[in-house]
Amino acid sequence: MKVDQKGHTITIRDTQGNVNSFLMTVTEQYKSFEKSNIIIDLLMHKELSLNDIKLFIPISKQHKKSKKSFVVVADDFDYNAAPNTLTIVPSLLEAHDIIEMDEIERDLGF
């Protein structure tokens, strides 16, 4: 797992190659990330299933309750099949753009 902080956002990149162990590591270390927006970088995974993505729903819901953004980055994925409770985008640039829009909406009180 590699963690990069850029302003008010933390990007967590999977370097293990196993979605389940990566999620366990993120969950265990969540307290150190909870005050920032989070981007989960799963770009190294070329064969992500819908079930792999759904594993992130509980931590996403928990994070969004604290008024912070949680975005999963995965390419080569059927975004139409993704649950509405998760924000999934194909690139890191789009993830940062989504977070910026979320920040603006929160600042405006939406």
N, C-alpha and C. Protein backbone atom coordinates (compact mmCIF):
# COMPACT_ATOMS: atom_id res chain seq x y z
N MET A 1 0.84 -1.17 0.00
CA MET A 1 0.00 0.00 0.00
C MET A 1 0.89 1.24 0.00
N LYS A 2 0.57 2.16 -0.87
CA LYS A 2 1.30 3.43 -0.94
C LYS A 2 0.33 4.55 -0.70
N VAL A 3 0.69 5.47 0.17
CA VAL A 3 -0.17 6.59 0.54
C VAL A 3 0.49 7.90 0.13
N ASP A 4 -0.26 8.71 -0.63
CA ASP A 4 0.21 10.03 -1.05
C ASP A 4 -0.80 11.07 -0.58
N GLN A 5 -0.32 12.15 0.03
CA GLN A 5 -1.23 13.22 0.44
C GLN A 5 -0.98 14.43 -0.44
N LYS A 6 -2.06 14.99 -0.94
CA LYS A 6 -2.01 16.19 -1.77
C LYS A 6 -3.10 17.11 -1.27
N GLY A 7 -2.72 18.10 -0.52
CA GLY A 7 -3.71 19.02 0.04
C GLY A 7 -4.63 18.32 1.02
N HIS A 8 -5.92 18.38 0.76
CA HIS A 8 -6.93 17.80 1.64
C HIS A 8 -7.35 16.40 1.21
N THR A 9 -6.53 15.78 0.33
CA THR A 9 -6.89 14.47 -0.22
C THR A 9 -5.75 13.47 -0.05
N ILE A 10 -6.11 12.26 0.32
CA ILE A 10 -5.14 11.17 0.43
C ILE A 10 -5.46 10.14 -0.63
N THR A 11 -4.44 9.77 -1.42
CA THR A 11 -4.58 8.72 -2.41
C THR A 11 -3.92 7.47 -1.86
N ILE A 12 -4.69 6.40 -1.81
CA ILE A 12 -4.18 5.13 -1.29
C ILE A 12 -4.12 4.15 -2.46
N ARG A 13 -2.91 3.73 -2.80
CA ARG A 13 -2.69 2.87 -3.96
C ARG A 13 -2.39 1.45 -3.49
N ASP A 14 -3.08 0.51 -4.12
CA ASP A 14 -2.84 -0.91 -3.82
C ASP A 14 -1.56 -1.34 -4.50
N THR A 15 -0.62 -1.84 -3.73
CA THR A 15 0.62 -2.39 -4.28
C THR A 15 0.72 -3.89 -4.03
N GLN A 16 -0.29 -4.44 -3.35
CA GLN A 16 -0.27 -5.85 -2.97
C GLN A 16 -0.83 -6.76 -4.06
N GLY A 17 -1.76 -6.24 -4.85
CA GLY A 17 -2.35 -7.05 -5.90
C GLY A 17 -3.52 -7.90 -5.44
N ASN A 18 -3.93 -7.74 -4.19
CA ASN A 18 -5.05 -8.51 -3.65
C ASN A 18 -6.04 -7.53 -3.04
N VAL A 19 -7.23 -7.43 -3.60
CA VAL A 19 -8.22 -6.45 -3.16
C VAL A 19 -8.62 -6.68 -1.70
N ASN A 20 -8.82 -7.93 -1.31
CA ASN A 20 -9.25 -8.23 0.06
C ASN A 20 -8.21 -7.80 1.09
N SER A 21 -6.95 -8.13 0.87
CA SER A 21 -5.92 -7.75 1.84
C SER A 21 -5.69 -6.25 1.84
N PHE A 22 -5.83 -5.63 0.67
CA PHE A 22 -5.71 -4.18 0.58
C PHE A 22 -6.81 -3.50 1.39
N LEU A 23 -8.05 -3.97 1.23
CA LEU A 23 -9.17 -3.41 1.99
C LEU A 23 -8.95 -3.59 3.49
N MET A 24 -8.45 -4.75 3.90
CA MET A 24 -8.19 -4.97 5.32
C MET A 24 -7.15 -3.98 5.84
N THR A 25 -6.11 -3.74 5.07
CA THR A 25 -5.07 -2.79 5.47
C THR A 25 -5.64 -1.38 5.57
N VAL A 26 -6.43 -0.98 4.59
CA VAL A 26 -7.05 0.36 4.62
C VAL A 26 -7.96 0.48 5.83
N THR A 27 -8.75 -0.54 6.10
CA THR A 27 -9.67 -0.52 7.23
C THR A 27 -8.91 -0.41 8.55
N GLU A 28 -7.83 -1.17 8.67
CA GLU A 28 -7.03 -1.13 9.90
C GLU A 28 -6.41 0.24 10.14
N GLN A 29 -6.03 0.91 9.08
CA GLN A 29 -5.35 2.21 9.20
C GLN A 29 -6.30 3.39 8.97
N TYR A 30 -7.59 3.13 8.92
CA TYR A 30 -8.57 4.15 8.58
C TYR A 30 -8.51 5.38 9.49
N LYS A 31 -8.25 5.20 10.75
CA LYS A 31 -8.22 6.32 11.70
C LYS A 31 -7.24 7.40 11.26
N SER A 32 -6.15 7.01 10.61
CA SER A 32 -5.16 8.00 10.17
C SER A 32 -5.59 8.73 8.89
N PHE A 33 -6.63 8.23 8.20
CA PHE A 33 -7.11 8.84 6.97
C PHE A 33 -8.45 9.55 7.12
N GLU A 34 -9.15 9.33 8.22
CA GLU A 34 -10.55 9.72 8.32
C GLU A 34 -10.83 11.22 8.21
N LYS A 35 -9.86 12.07 8.42
CA LYS A 35 -10.09 13.51 8.36
C LYS A 35 -9.82 14.10 6.98
N SER A 36 -9.47 13.25 6.01
CA SER A 36 -9.16 13.71 4.65
C SER A 36 -10.11 13.06 3.65
N ASN A 37 -10.19 13.63 2.47
CA ASN A 37 -10.87 12.96 1.37
C ASN A 37 -10.00 11.79 0.95
N ILE A 38 -10.62 10.71 0.50
CA ILE A 38 -9.86 9.50 0.17
C ILE A 38 -10.11 9.10 -1.28
N ILE A 39 -9.00 8.79 -1.96
CA ILE A 39 -9.05 8.18 -3.28
C ILE A 39 -8.43 6.79 -3.15
N ILE A 40 -9.19 5.78 -3.52
CA ILE A 40 -8.69 4.40 -3.53
C ILE A 40 -8.27 4.07 -4.95
N ASP A 41 -6.98 3.89 -5.16
CA ASP A 41 -6.42 3.63 -6.50
C ASP A 41 -6.30 2.13 -6.74
N LEU A 42 -7.18 1.61 -7.59
CA LEU A 42 -7.17 0.19 -7.94
C LEU A 42 -6.76 -0.01 -9.40
N LEU A 43 -6.01 0.93 -9.95
CA LEU A 43 -5.64 0.87 -11.36
C LEU A 43 -4.76 -0.34 -11.70
N MET A 44 -4.06 -0.88 -10.73
CA MET A 44 -3.20 -2.04 -11.02
C MET A 44 -4.01 -3.31 -11.29
N HIS A 45 -5.27 -3.31 -10.88
CA HIS A 45 -6.13 -4.48 -11.06
C HIS A 45 -6.82 -4.39 -12.42
N LYS A 46 -6.53 -5.31 -13.28
CA LYS A 46 -7.11 -5.29 -14.63
C LYS A 46 -8.40 -6.11 -14.71
N GLU A 47 -8.65 -6.97 -13.75
CA GLU A 47 -9.82 -7.85 -13.78
C GLU A 47 -10.64 -7.66 -12.50
N LEU A 48 -11.14 -6.47 -12.26
CA LEU A 48 -11.96 -6.23 -11.07
C LEU A 48 -13.39 -6.68 -11.32
N SER A 49 -13.92 -7.39 -10.35
CA SER A 49 -15.32 -7.80 -10.45
C SER A 49 -16.19 -6.80 -9.69
N LEU A 50 -17.46 -6.87 -9.92
CA LEU A 50 -18.41 -6.03 -9.20
C LEU A 50 -18.33 -6.34 -7.70
N ASN A 51 -18.16 -7.59 -7.35
CA ASN A 51 -18.04 -7.97 -5.94
C ASN A 51 -16.80 -7.36 -5.29
N ASP A 52 -15.69 -7.27 -6.04
CA ASP A 52 -14.48 -6.63 -5.51
C ASP A 52 -14.77 -5.17 -5.17
N ILE A 53 -15.46 -4.49 -6.06
CA ILE A 53 -15.78 -3.08 -5.85
C ILE A 53 -16.75 -2.91 -4.67
N LYS A 54 -17.73 -3.80 -4.58
CA LYS A 54 -18.73 -3.71 -3.51
C LYS A 54 -18.11 -3.86 -2.12
N LEU A 55 -16.95 -4.45 -2.01
CA LEU A 55 -16.28 -4.59 -0.72
C LEU A 55 -16.00 -3.23 -0.07
N PHE A 56 -15.92 -2.19 -0.88
CA PHE A 56 -15.59 -0.85 -0.37
C PHE A 56 -16.82 -0.06 0.08
N ILE A 57 -18.01 -0.60 -0.09
CA ILE A 57 -19.23 0.13 0.28
C ILE A 57 -19.28 0.50 1.77
N PRO A 58 -19.01 -0.43 2.70
CA PRO A 58 -19.12 -0.03 4.11
C PRO A 58 -18.18 1.10 4.51
N ILE A 59 -16.94 1.04 4.07
CA ILE A 59 -15.99 2.10 4.45
C ILE A 59 -16.34 3.41 3.74
N SER A 60 -16.89 3.32 2.53
CA SER A 60 -17.32 4.51 1.81
C SER A 60 -18.47 5.19 2.55
N LYS A 61 -19.45 4.43 2.96
CA LYS A 61 -20.59 4.99 3.70
C LYS A 61 -20.13 5.65 4.99
N GLN A 62 -19.24 4.96 5.71
CA GLN A 62 -18.72 5.50 6.97
C GLN A 62 -17.99 6.82 6.71
N HIS A 63 -17.20 6.87 5.66
CA HIS A 63 -16.43 8.08 5.37
C HIS A 63 -17.32 9.23 4.93
N LYS A 64 -18.33 8.95 4.14
CA LYS A 64 -19.22 10.00 3.65
C LYS A 64 -20.08 10.58 4.77
N LYS A 65 -20.33 9.81 5.82
CA LYS A 65 -21.09 10.33 6.96
C LYS A 65 -20.35 11.47 7.65
N SER A 66 -19.01 11.44 7.55
CA SER A 66 -18.22 12.50 8.18
C SER A 66 -17.97 13.67 7.22
N LYS A 67 -18.80 13.75 6.15
CA LYS A 67 -18.76 14.85 5.19
C LYS A 67 -17.42 14.93 4.45
N LYS A 68 -16.88 13.79 4.09
CA LYS A 68 -15.66 13.71 3.29
C LYS A 68 -15.92 12.83 2.07
N SER A 69 -15.16 13.06 1.01
CA SER A 69 -15.33 12.32 -0.23
C SER A 69 -14.56 11.01 -0.20
N PHE A 70 -15.12 10.00 -0.87
CA PHE A 70 -14.49 8.68 -1.00
C PHE A 70 -14.69 8.26 -2.44
N VAL A 71 -13.59 8.17 -3.20
CA VAL A 71 -13.67 7.87 -4.62
C VAL A 71 -12.78 6.67 -4.92
N VAL A 72 -13.32 5.73 -5.70
CA VAL A 72 -12.56 4.56 -6.14
C VAL A 72 -12.17 4.77 -7.60
N VAL A 73 -10.90 4.53 -7.91
CA VAL A 73 -10.41 4.66 -9.28
C VAL A 73 -10.16 3.26 -9.82
N ALA A 74 -10.88 2.93 -10.87
CA ALA A 74 -10.74 1.61 -11.51
C ALA A 74 -11.03 1.78 -12.99
N ASP A 75 -10.11 1.31 -13.81
CA ASP A 75 -10.38 1.37 -15.25
C ASP A 75 -10.83 0.00 -15.73
N ASP A 76 -11.30 -0.05 -16.95
CA ASP A 76 -11.78 -1.30 -17.54
C ASP A 76 -12.84 -1.96 -16.65
N PHE A 77 -13.84 -1.16 -16.29
CA PHE A 77 -14.89 -1.59 -15.38
C PHE A 77 -16.23 -1.10 -15.92
N ASP A 78 -17.28 -1.88 -15.73
CA ASP A 78 -18.62 -1.49 -16.16
C ASP A 78 -19.22 -0.55 -15.11
N TYR A 79 -19.08 0.74 -15.34
CA TYR A 79 -19.53 1.74 -14.37
C TYR A 79 -21.04 1.75 -14.20
N ASN A 80 -21.78 1.30 -15.20
CA ASN A 80 -23.24 1.24 -15.10
C ASN A 80 -23.69 0.18 -14.10
N ALA A 81 -22.86 -0.83 -13.88
CA ALA A 81 -23.20 -1.90 -12.94
C ALA A 81 -22.84 -1.53 -11.51
N ALA A 82 -22.12 -0.45 -11.34
CA ALA A 82 -21.65 -0.07 -10.00
C ALA A 82 -22.80 0.43 -9.14
N PRO A 83 -22.74 0.15 -7.85
CA PRO A 83 -23.78 0.64 -6.94
C PRO A 83 -23.72 2.16 -6.82
N ASN A 84 -24.88 2.76 -6.61
CA ASN A 84 -24.96 4.22 -6.48
C ASN A 84 -24.27 4.75 -5.22
N THR A 85 -24.04 3.88 -4.26
CA THR A 85 -23.43 4.31 -3.01
C THR A 85 -21.93 4.53 -3.14
N LEU A 86 -21.34 4.11 -4.26
CA LEU A 86 -19.91 4.30 -4.49
C LEU A 86 -19.68 5.25 -5.65
N THR A 87 -18.66 6.08 -5.52
CA THR A 87 -18.24 6.92 -6.63
C THR A 87 -17.03 6.24 -7.26
N ILE A 88 -17.17 5.83 -8.52
CA ILE A 88 -16.11 5.12 -9.22
C ILE A 88 -15.79 5.87 -10.49
N VAL A 89 -14.51 6.15 -10.72
CA VAL A 89 -14.07 6.88 -11.91
C VAL A 89 -12.89 6.14 -12.54
N PRO A 90 -12.61 6.42 -13.83
CA PRO A 90 -11.55 5.69 -14.52
C PRO A 90 -10.15 6.27 -14.39
N SER A 91 -9.99 7.48 -13.81
CA SER A 91 -8.65 8.06 -13.71
C SER A 91 -8.48 8.86 -12.43
N LEU A 92 -7.23 9.05 -12.05
CA LEU A 92 -6.93 9.84 -10.85
C LEU A 92 -7.32 11.30 -11.05
N LEU A 93 -7.16 11.81 -12.25
CA LEU A 93 -7.55 13.19 -12.53
C LEU A 93 -9.04 13.39 -12.29
N GLU A 94 -9.86 12.46 -12.77
CA GLU A 94 -11.31 12.55 -12.54
C GLU A 94 -11.63 12.45 -11.05
N ALA A 95 -10.90 11.62 -10.33
CA ALA A 95 -11.13 11.48 -8.88
C ALA A 95 -10.88 12.81 -8.18
N HIS A 96 -9.79 13.49 -8.54
CA HIS A 96 -9.50 14.80 -7.94
C HIS A 96 -10.57 15.82 -8.33
N ASP A 97 -11.04 15.75 -9.57
CA ASP A 97 -12.10 16.67 -10.01
C ASP A 97 -13.39 16.45 -9.23
N ILE A 98 -13.76 15.20 -9.02
CA ILE A 98 -14.97 14.86 -8.24
C ILE A 98 -14.85 15.41 -6.82
N ILE A 99 -13.68 15.24 -6.23
CA ILE A 99 -13.47 15.72 -4.86
C ILE A 99 -13.57 17.24 -4.81
N GLU A 100 -13.00 17.91 -5.79
CA GLU A 100 -13.10 19.38 -5.82
C GLU A 100 -14.56 19.82 -5.93
N MET A 101 -15.34 19.15 -6.77
CA MET A 101 -16.76 19.49 -6.89
C MET A 101 -17.50 19.22 -5.59
N ASP A 102 -17.18 18.09 -4.92
CA ASP A 102 -17.79 17.79 -3.63
C ASP A 102 -17.46 18.86 -2.60
N GLU A 103 -16.21 19.31 -2.59
CA GLU A 103 -15.79 20.35 -1.65
C GLU A 103 -16.56 21.65 -1.88
N ILE A 104 -16.73 22.01 -3.15
CA ILE A 104 -17.48 23.22 -3.48
C ILE A 104 -18.93 23.09 -3.02
N GLU A 105 -19.54 21.93 -3.27
CA GLU A 105 -20.93 21.71 -2.83
C GLU A 105 -21.05 21.80 -1.32
N ARG A 106 -20.09 21.22 -0.60
CA ARG A 106 -20.13 21.29 0.87
C ARG A 106 -19.97 22.73 1.35
N ASP A 107 -19.07 23.48 0.70
CA ASP A 107 -18.87 24.88 1.08
C ASP A 107 -20.13 25.71 0.85
N LEU A 108 -20.88 25.36 -0.19
CA LEU A 108 -22.12 26.08 -0.51
C LEU A 108 -23.32 25.59 0.30
N GLY A 109 -23.13 24.51 1.04
CA GLY A 109 -24.19 23.99 1.90
C GLY A 109 -25.14 23.01 1.25
N PHE A 110 -24.77 22.40 0.15
CA PHE A 110 -25.62 21.41 -0.50
C PHE A 110 -25.49 20.06 0.14
